[in-house]
Amino acid sequence: MVVDAAGLPAKAVVPEPPSPQGSGPGGWIESTIAELRRVVWPSRQQLISESVAVLLMVTISAAAIASLDRFFHWLSQLLFR
């Protein structure tokens, strides 16, 4: 017998049967549309500000990687001449 941390018999986890709504291509489309209706979409201001933040971080990361690449290229040229 399997017991839990409190020493009581553990209960078996029974998975729920798949819903008939999601069966077949039509059901998949219906369930996808239902999920998309539940999504909380960002406002225009939030979308713009977060997009700018992502672009800024990508630009900074690319500049840092390029700087390191140039530094190590310079260093290897200095060492292996």
PDB file of N, CA and C in Angstrom:
ATOM      1  N   MET A   1       0.848  -1.167   0.000  1.00  0.00           N
ATOM      2  CA  MET A   1       0.000   0.000   0.000  1.00  0.00           C
ATOM      3  C   MET A   1       0.900   1.238   0.000  1.00  0.00           C
ATOM      4  N   VAL A   2       0.516   2.220  -0.779  1.00  0.00           N
ATOM      5  CA  VAL A   2       1.263   3.465  -0.869  1.00  0.00           C
ATOM      6  C   VAL A   2       0.641   4.463   0.095  1.00  0.00           C
ATOM      7  N   VAL A   3       1.518   5.127   0.888  1.00  0.00           N
ATOM      8  CA  VAL A   3       1.021   6.123   1.836  1.00  0.00           C
ATOM      9  C   VAL A   3       1.632   7.475   1.506  1.00  0.00           C
ATOM     10  N   ASP A   4       0.936   8.535   1.919  1.00  0.00           N
ATOM     11  CA  ASP A   4       1.460   9.878   1.682  1.00  0.00           C
ATOM     12  C   ASP A   4       2.311  10.318   2.863  1.00  0.00           C
ATOM     13  N   ALA A   5       2.721  11.588   2.902  1.00  0.00           N
ATOM     14  CA  ALA A   5       3.616  12.090   3.941  1.00  0.00           C
ATOM     15  C   ALA A   5       2.990  12.015   5.328  1.00  0.00           C
ATOM     16  N   ALA A   6       1.666  12.084   5.412  1.00  0.00           N
ATOM     17  CA  ALA A   6       0.985  12.026   6.705  1.00  0.00           C
ATOM     18  C   ALA A   6       0.745  10.593   7.163  1.00  0.00           C
ATOM     19  N   GLY A   7       1.106   9.612   6.354  1.00  0.00           N
ATOM     20  CA  GLY A   7       0.916   8.218   6.719  1.00  0.00           C
ATOM     21  C   GLY A   7      -0.446   7.675   6.340  1.00  0.00           C
ATOM     22  N   LEU A   8      -1.239   8.468   5.634  1.00  0.00           N
ATOM     23  CA  LEU A   8      -2.561   8.027   5.205  1.00  0.00           C
ATOM     24  C   LEU A   8      -2.450   7.341   3.847  1.00  0.00           C
ATOM     25  N   PRO A   9      -3.379   6.444   3.539  1.00  0.00           N
ATOM     26  CA  PRO A   9      -3.328   5.791   2.227  1.00  0.00           C
ATOM     27  C   PRO A   9      -3.437   6.828   1.108  1.00  0.00           C
ATOM     28  N   ALA A  10      -2.570   6.701   0.125  1.00  0.00           N
ATOM     29  CA  ALA A  10      -2.573   7.650  -0.989  1.00  0.00           C
ATOM     30  C   ALA A  10      -3.722   7.334  -1.929  1.00  0.00           C
ATOM     31  N   LYS A  11      -4.315   8.402  -2.482  1.00  0.00           N
ATOM     32  CA  LYS A  11      -5.418   8.222  -3.421  1.00  0.00           C
ATOM     33  C   LYS A  11      -4.857   8.130  -4.834  1.00  0.00           C
ATOM     34  N   ALA A  12      -5.448   7.272  -5.614  1.00  0.00           N
ATOM     35  CA  ALA A  12      -5.017   7.116  -7.005  1.00  0.00           C
ATOM     36  C   ALA A  12      -5.485   8.319  -7.820  1.00  0.00           C
ATOM     37  N   VAL A  13      -4.630   8.765  -8.720  1.00  0.00           N
ATOM     38  CA  VAL A  13      -4.984   9.868  -9.605  1.00  0.00           C
ATOM     39  C   VAL A  13      -5.557   9.268 -10.876  1.00  0.00           C
ATOM     40  N   VAL A  14      -6.814   9.580 -11.130  1.00  0.00           N
ATOM     41  CA  VAL A  14      -7.486   9.049 -12.311  1.00  0.00           C
ATOM     42  C   VAL A  14      -7.573  10.164 -13.340  1.00  0.00           C
ATOM     43  N   PRO A  15      -6.959   9.981 -14.521  1.00  0.00           N
ATOM     44  CA  PRO A  15      -7.030  11.037 -15.532  1.00  0.00           C
ATOM     45  C   PRO A  15      -8.444  11.188 -16.065  1.00  0.00           C
ATOM     46  N   GLU A  16      -8.788  12.431 -16.412  1.00  0.00           N
ATOM     47  CA  GLU A  16     -10.110  12.686 -16.971  1.00  0.00           C
ATOM     48  C   GLU A  16     -10.151  12.189 -18.412  1.00  0.00           C
ATOM     49  N   PRO A  17     -11.274  11.627 -18.816  1.00  0.00           N
ATOM     50  CA  PRO A  17     -11.367  11.192 -20.213  1.00  0.00           C
ATOM     51  C   PRO A  17     -11.379  12.413 -21.133  1.00  0.00           C
ATOM     52  N   PRO A  18     -10.866  12.259 -22.353  1.00  0.00           N
ATOM     53  CA  PRO A  18     -10.856  13.401 -23.261  1.00  0.00           C
ATOM     54  C   PRO A  18     -12.273  13.844 -23.589  1.00  0.00           C
ATOM     55  N   SER A  19     -12.445  15.157 -23.712  1.00  0.00           N
ATOM     56  CA  SER A  19     -13.775  15.681 -23.995  1.00  0.00           C
ATOM     57  C   SER A  19     -14.139  15.422 -25.455  1.00  0.00           C
ATOM     58  N   PRO A  20     -15.410  15.163 -25.739  1.00  0.00           N
ATOM     59  CA  PRO A  20     -15.804  14.915 -27.122  1.00  0.00           C
ATOM     60  C   PRO A  20     -15.675  16.166 -27.990  1.00  0.00           C
ATOM     61  N   GLN A  21     -15.602  17.345 -27.369  1.00  0.00           N
ATOM     62  CA  GLN A  21     -15.488  18.589 -28.126  1.00  0.00           C
ATOM     63  C   GLN A  21     -14.191  18.623 -28.931  1.00  0.00           C
ATOM     64  N   GLY A  22     -13.108  18.052 -28.410  1.00  0.00           N
ATOM     65  CA  GLY A  22     -11.814  18.136 -29.062  1.00  0.00           C
ATOM     66  C   GLY A  22     -11.531  17.018 -30.047  1.00  0.00           C
ATOM     67  N   SER A  23     -12.524  16.178 -30.364  1.00  0.00           N
ATOM     68  CA  SER A  23     -12.246  15.062 -31.265  1.00  0.00           C
ATOM     69  C   SER A  23     -12.477  15.476 -32.715  1.00  0.00           C
ATOM     70  N   GLY A  24     -11.539  15.092 -33.559  1.00  0.00           N
ATOM     71  CA  GLY A  24     -11.655  15.397 -34.983  1.00  0.00           C
ATOM     72  C   GLY A  24     -11.171  16.798 -35.315  1.00  0.00           C
ATOM     73  N   PRO A  25     -10.982  17.075 -36.608  1.00  0.00           N
ATOM     74  CA  PRO A  25     -10.484  18.393 -37.015  1.00  0.00           C
ATOM     75  C   PRO A  25     -11.436  19.530 -36.651  1.00  0.00           C
ATOM     76  N   GLY A  26     -12.740  19.316 -36.799  1.00  0.00           N
ATOM     77  CA  GLY A  26     -13.709  20.362 -36.463  1.00  0.00           C
ATOM     78  C   GLY A  26     -13.700  20.675 -34.981  1.00  0.00           C
ATOM     79  N   GLY A  27     -13.592  19.640 -34.160  1.00  0.00           N
ATOM     80  CA  GLY A  27     -13.534  19.844 -32.714  1.00  0.00           C
ATOM     81  C   GLY A  27     -12.268  20.546 -32.293  1.00  0.00           C
ATOM     82  N   TRP A  28     -11.176  20.249 -32.996  1.00  0.00           N
ATOM     83  CA  TRP A  28      -9.905  20.915 -32.688  1.00  0.00           C
ATOM     84  C   TRP A  28     -10.012  22.405 -32.979  1.00  0.00           C
ATOM     85  N   ILE A  29     -10.626  22.753 -34.104  1.00  0.00           N
ATOM     86  CA  ILE A  29     -10.784  24.169 -34.454  1.00  0.00           C
ATOM     87  C   ILE A  29     -11.681  24.861 -33.437  1.00  0.00           C
ATOM     88  N   GLU A  30     -12.769  24.208 -33.043  1.00  0.00           N
ATOM     89  CA  GLU A  30     -13.670  24.791 -32.046  1.00  0.00           C
ATOM     90  C   GLU A  30     -12.958  25.019 -30.719  1.00  0.00           C
ATOM     91  N   SER A  31     -12.188  24.028 -30.270  1.00  0.00           N
ATOM     92  CA  SER A  31     -11.497  24.186 -28.988  1.00  0.00           C
ATOM     93  C   SER A  31     -10.400  25.241 -29.081  1.00  0.00           C
ATOM     94  N   THR A  32      -9.766  25.365 -30.256  1.00  0.00           N
ATOM     95  CA  THR A  32      -8.750  26.403 -30.439  1.00  0.00           C
ATOM     96  C   THR A  32      -9.384  27.783 -30.371  1.00  0.00           C
ATOM     97  N   ILE A  33     -10.515  27.962 -31.031  1.00  0.00           N
ATOM     98  CA  ILE A  33     -11.212  29.251 -30.994  1.00  0.00           C
ATOM     99  C   ILE A  33     -11.669  29.562 -29.576  1.00  0.00           C
ATOM    100  N   ALA A  34     -12.153  28.551 -28.858  1.00  0.00           N
ATOM    101  CA  ALA A  34     -12.581  28.762 -27.469  1.00  0.00           C
ATOM    102  C   ALA A  34     -11.406  29.197 -26.600  1.00  0.00           C
ATOM    103  N   GLU A  35     -10.236  28.598 -26.802  1.00  0.00           N
ATOM    104  CA  GLU A  35      -9.051  29.002 -26.034  1.00  0.00           C
ATOM    105  C   GLU A  35      -8.637  30.428 -26.376  1.00  0.00           C
ATOM    106  N   LEU A  36      -8.692  30.787 -27.659  1.00  0.00           N
ATOM    107  CA  LEU A  36      -8.305  32.141 -28.066  1.00  0.00           C
ATOM    108  C   LEU A  36      -9.249  33.197 -27.502  1.00  0.00           C
ATOM    109  N   ARG A  37     -10.499  32.835 -27.256  1.00  0.00           N
ATOM    110  CA  ARG A  37     -11.436  33.786 -26.639  1.00  0.00           C
ATOM    111  C   ARG A  37     -11.095  34.025 -25.172  1.00  0.00           C
ATOM    112  N   ARG A  38     -10.439  33.060 -24.534  1.00  0.00           N
ATOM    113  CA  ARG A  38     -10.067  33.204 -23.122  1.00  0.00           C
ATOM    114  C   ARG A  38      -8.770  33.975 -22.924  1.00  0.00           C
ATOM    115  N   VAL A  39      -8.022  34.206 -23.990  1.00  0.00           N
ATOM    116  CA  VAL A  39      -6.738  34.896 -23.884  1.00  0.00           C
ATOM    117  C   VAL A  39      -6.966  36.353 -23.512  1.00  0.00           C
ATOM    118  N   VAL A  40      -6.152  36.855 -22.582  1.00  0.00           N
ATOM    119  CA  VAL A  40      -6.197  38.274 -22.228  1.00  0.00           C
ATOM    120  C   VAL A  40      -5.168  38.972 -23.103  1.00  0.00           C
ATOM    121  N   TRP A  41      -5.643  39.697 -24.120  1.00  0.00           N
ATOM    122  CA  TRP A  41      -4.764  40.349 -25.073  1.00  0.00           C
ATOM    123  C   TRP A  41      -4.249  41.655 -24.493  1.00  0.00           C
ATOM    124  N   PRO A  42      -3.001  42.037 -24.786  1.00  0.00           N
ATOM    125  CA  PRO A  42      -2.448  43.287 -24.249  1.00  0.00           C
ATOM    126  C   PRO A  42      -3.065  44.501 -24.938  1.00  0.00           C
ATOM    127  N   SER A  43      -3.028  45.622 -24.223  1.00  0.00           N
ATOM    128  CA  SER A  43      -3.498  46.867 -24.827  1.00  0.00           C
ATOM    129  C   SER A  43      -2.464  47.340 -25.843  1.00  0.00           C
ATOM    130  N   ARG A  44      -2.842  48.302 -26.674  1.00  0.00           N
ATOM    131  CA  ARG A  44      -1.925  48.817 -27.688  1.00  0.00           C
ATOM    132  C   ARG A  44      -0.699  49.437 -27.024  1.00  0.00           C
ATOM    133  N   GLN A  45      -0.912  50.197 -25.944  1.00  0.00           N
ATOM    134  CA  GLN A  45       0.209  50.839 -25.249  1.00  0.00           C
ATOM    135  C   GLN A  45       1.155  49.788 -24.664  1.00  0.00           C
ATOM    136  N   GLN A  46       0.607  48.759 -24.056  1.00  0.00           N
ATOM    137  CA  GLN A  46       1.430  47.700 -23.476  1.00  0.00           C
ATOM    138  C   GLN A  46       2.191  46.950 -24.566  1.00  0.00           C
ATOM    139  N   LEU A  47       1.539  46.689 -25.689  1.00  0.00           N
ATOM    140  CA  LEU A  47       2.183  45.991 -26.800  1.00  0.00           C
ATOM    141  C   LEU A  47       3.354  46.801 -27.345  1.00  0.00           C
ATOM    142  N   ILE A  48       3.152  48.104 -27.520  1.00  0.00           N
ATOM    143  CA  ILE A  48       4.215  48.961 -28.053  1.00  0.00           C
ATOM    144  C   ILE A  48       5.372  49.059 -27.072  1.00  0.00           C
ATOM    145  N   SER A  49       5.079  49.292 -25.791  1.00  0.00           N
ATOM    146  CA  SER A  49       6.160  49.465 -24.814  1.00  0.00           C
ATOM    147  C   SER A  49       6.962  48.177 -24.637  1.00  0.00           C
ATOM    148  N   GLU A  50       6.306  47.039 -24.632  1.00  0.00           N
ATOM    149  CA  GLU A  50       7.034  45.776 -24.480  1.00  0.00           C
ATOM    150  C   GLU A  50       7.816  45.427 -25.745  1.00  0.00           C
ATOM    151  N   SER A  51       7.286  45.781 -26.910  1.00  0.00           N
ATOM    152  CA  SER A  51       8.026  45.555 -28.156  1.00  0.00           C
ATOM    153  C   SER A  51       9.278  46.413 -28.205  1.00  0.00           C
ATOM    154  N   VAL A  52       9.166  47.670 -27.762  1.00  0.00           N
ATOM    155  CA  VAL A  52      10.334  48.553 -27.719  1.00  0.00           C
ATOM    156  C   VAL A  52      11.370  47.999 -26.743  1.00  0.00           C
ATOM    157  N   ALA A  53      10.919  47.502 -25.602  1.00  0.00           N
ATOM    158  CA  ALA A  53      11.846  46.939 -24.618  1.00  0.00           C
ATOM    159  C   ALA A  53      12.576  45.724 -25.192  1.00  0.00           C
ATOM    160  N   VAL A  54      11.861  44.867 -25.909  1.00  0.00           N
ATOM    161  CA  VAL A  54      12.491  43.684 -26.508  1.00  0.00           C
ATOM    162  C   VAL A  54      13.508  44.105 -27.560  1.00  0.00           C
ATOM    163  N   LEU A  55      13.137  45.041 -28.440  1.00  0.00           N
ATOM    164  CA  LEU A  55      14.065  45.505 -29.472  1.00  0.00           C
ATOM    165  C   LEU A  55      15.301  46.151 -28.858  1.00  0.00           C
ATOM    166  N   LEU A  56      15.115  46.915 -27.789  1.00  0.00           N
ATOM    167  CA  LEU A  56      16.243  47.552 -27.110  1.00  0.00           C
ATOM    168  C   LEU A  56      17.188  46.503 -26.520  1.00  0.00           C
ATOM    169  N   MET A  57      16.638  45.486 -25.864  1.00  0.00           N
ATOM    170  CA  MET A  57      17.479  44.450 -25.270  1.00  0.00           C
ATOM    171  C   MET A  57      18.197  43.632 -26.342  1.00  0.00           C
ATOM    172  N   VAL A  58      17.538  43.365 -27.462  1.00  0.00           N
ATOM    173  CA  VAL A  58      18.186  42.634 -28.551  1.00  0.00           C
ATOM    174  C   VAL A  58      19.331  43.458 -29.117  1.00  0.00           C
ATOM    175  N   THR A  59      19.112  44.768 -29.281  1.00  0.00           N
ATOM    176  CA  THR A  59      20.158  45.649 -29.804  1.00  0.00           C
ATOM    177  C   THR A  59      21.345  45.715 -28.856  1.00  0.00           C
ATOM    178  N   ILE A  60      21.079  45.852 -27.566  1.00  0.00           N
ATOM    179  CA  ILE A  60      22.160  45.908 -26.575  1.00  0.00           C
ATOM    180  C   ILE A  60      22.928  44.584 -26.550  1.00  0.00           C
ATOM    181  N   SER A  61      22.202  43.469 -26.597  1.00  0.00           N
ATOM    182  CA  SER A  61      22.863  42.157 -26.596  1.00  0.00           C
ATOM    183  C   SER A  61      23.721  41.968 -27.841  1.00  0.00           C
ATOM    184  N   ALA A  62      23.209  42.379 -28.997  1.00  0.00           N
ATOM    185  CA  ALA A  62      23.977  42.250 -30.237  1.00  0.00           C
ATOM    186  C   ALA A  62      25.228  43.113 -30.184  1.00  0.00           C
ATOM    187  N   ALA A  63      25.111  44.326 -29.636  1.00  0.00           N
ATOM    188  CA  ALA A  63      26.278  45.206 -29.526  1.00  0.00           C
ATOM    189  C   ALA A  63      27.317  44.614 -28.574  1.00  0.00           C
ATOM    190  N   ALA A  64      26.869  44.024 -27.472  1.00  0.00           N
ATOM    191  CA  ALA A  64      27.799  43.417 -26.519  1.00  0.00           C
ATOM    192  C   ALA A  64      28.516  42.221 -27.151  1.00  0.00           C
ATOM    193  N   ILE A  65      27.783  41.389 -27.869  1.00  0.00           N
ATOM    194  CA  ILE A  65      28.400  40.231 -28.518  1.00  0.00           C
ATOM    195  C   ILE A  65      29.380  40.678 -29.594  1.00  0.00           C
ATOM    196  N   ALA A  66      29.004  41.694 -30.380  1.00  0.00           N
ATOM    197  CA  ALA A  66      29.906  42.204 -31.420  1.00  0.00           C
ATOM    198  C   ALA A  66      31.166  42.791 -30.798  1.00  0.00           C
ATOM    199  N   SER A  67      31.013  43.502 -29.673  1.00  0.00           N
ATOM    200  CA  SER A  67      32.180  44.074 -28.997  1.00  0.00           C
ATOM    201  C   SER A  67      33.120  42.984 -28.500  1.00  0.00           C
ATOM    202  N   LEU A  68      32.569  41.951 -27.888  1.00  0.00           N
ATOM    203  CA  LEU A  68      33.397  40.836 -27.424  1.00  0.00           C
ATOM    204  C   LEU A  68      34.077  40.133 -28.594  1.00  0.00           C
ATOM    205  N   ASP A  69      33.358  39.976 -29.691  1.00  0.00           N
ATOM    206  CA  ASP A  69      33.936  39.336 -30.867  1.00  0.00           C
ATOM    207  C   ASP A  69      35.113  40.155 -31.405  1.00  0.00           C
ATOM    208  N   ARG A  70      34.941  41.459 -31.492  1.00  0.00           N
ATOM    209  CA  ARG A  70      36.028  42.312 -31.986  1.00  0.00           C
ATOM    210  C   ARG A  70      37.220  42.298 -31.025  1.00  0.00           C
ATOM    211  N   PHE A  71      36.927  42.306 -29.718  1.00  0.00           N
ATOM    212  CA  PHE A  71      38.006  42.274 -28.735  1.00  0.00           C
ATOM    213  C   PHE A  71      38.812  40.983 -28.863  1.00  0.00           C
ATOM    214  N   PHE A  72      38.129  39.836 -28.926  1.00  0.00           N
ATOM    215  CA  PHE A  72      38.849  38.568 -29.019  1.00  0.00           C
ATOM    216  C   PHE A  72      39.549  38.414 -30.369  1.00  0.00           C
ATOM    217  N   HIS A  73      38.995  38.993 -31.421  1.00  0.00           N
ATOM    218  CA  HIS A  73      39.681  38.987 -32.710  1.00  0.00           C
ATOM    219  C   HIS A  73      40.977  39.796 -32.605  1.00  0.00           C
ATOM    220  N   TRP A  74      40.885  40.983 -32.004  1.00  0.00           N
ATOM    221  CA  TRP A  74      42.074  41.832 -31.813  1.00  0.00           C
ATOM    222  C   TRP A  74      43.116  41.104 -30.962  1.00  0.00           C
ATOM    223  N   LEU A  75      42.660  40.458 -29.878  1.00  0.00           N
ATOM    224  CA  LEU A  75      43.563  39.749 -28.981  1.00  0.00           C
ATOM    225  C   LEU A  75      44.238  38.575 -29.695  1.00  0.00           C
ATOM    226  N   SER A  76      43.482  37.829 -30.482  1.00  0.00           N
ATOM    227  CA  SER A  76      44.086  36.697 -31.193  1.00  0.00           C
ATOM    228  C   SER A  76      45.074  37.175 -32.252  1.00  0.00           C
ATOM    229  N   GLN A  77      44.786  38.297 -32.900  1.00  0.00           N
ATOM    230  CA  GLN A  77      45.729  38.852 -33.870  1.00  0.00           C
ATOM    231  C   GLN A  77      47.012  39.296 -33.175  1.00  0.00           C
ATOM    232  N   LEU A  78      46.876  39.852 -31.986  1.00  0.00           N
ATOM    233  CA  LEU A  78      48.026  40.312 -31.219  1.00  0.00           C
ATOM    234  C   LEU A  78      48.886  39.131 -30.760  1.00  0.00           C
ATOM    235  N   LEU A  79      48.253  38.056 -30.327  1.00  0.00           N
ATOM    236  CA  LEU A  79      48.981  36.908 -29.785  1.00  0.00           C
ATOM    237  C   LEU A  79      49.583  36.012 -30.855  1.00  0.00           C
ATOM    238  N   PHE A  80      48.934  35.876 -31.991  1.00  0.00           N
ATOM    239  CA  PHE A  80      49.357  34.887 -32.979  1.00  0.00           C
ATOM    240  C   PHE A  80      50.017  35.488 -34.216  1.00  0.00           C
ATOM    241  N   ARG A  81      50.582  36.659 -34.117  1.00  0.00           N
ATOM    242  CA  ARG A  81      51.313  37.246 -35.251  1.00  0.00           C
ATOM    243  C   ARG A  81      52.676  36.672 -35.355  1.00  0.00           C
TER     244      ARG A  81
END
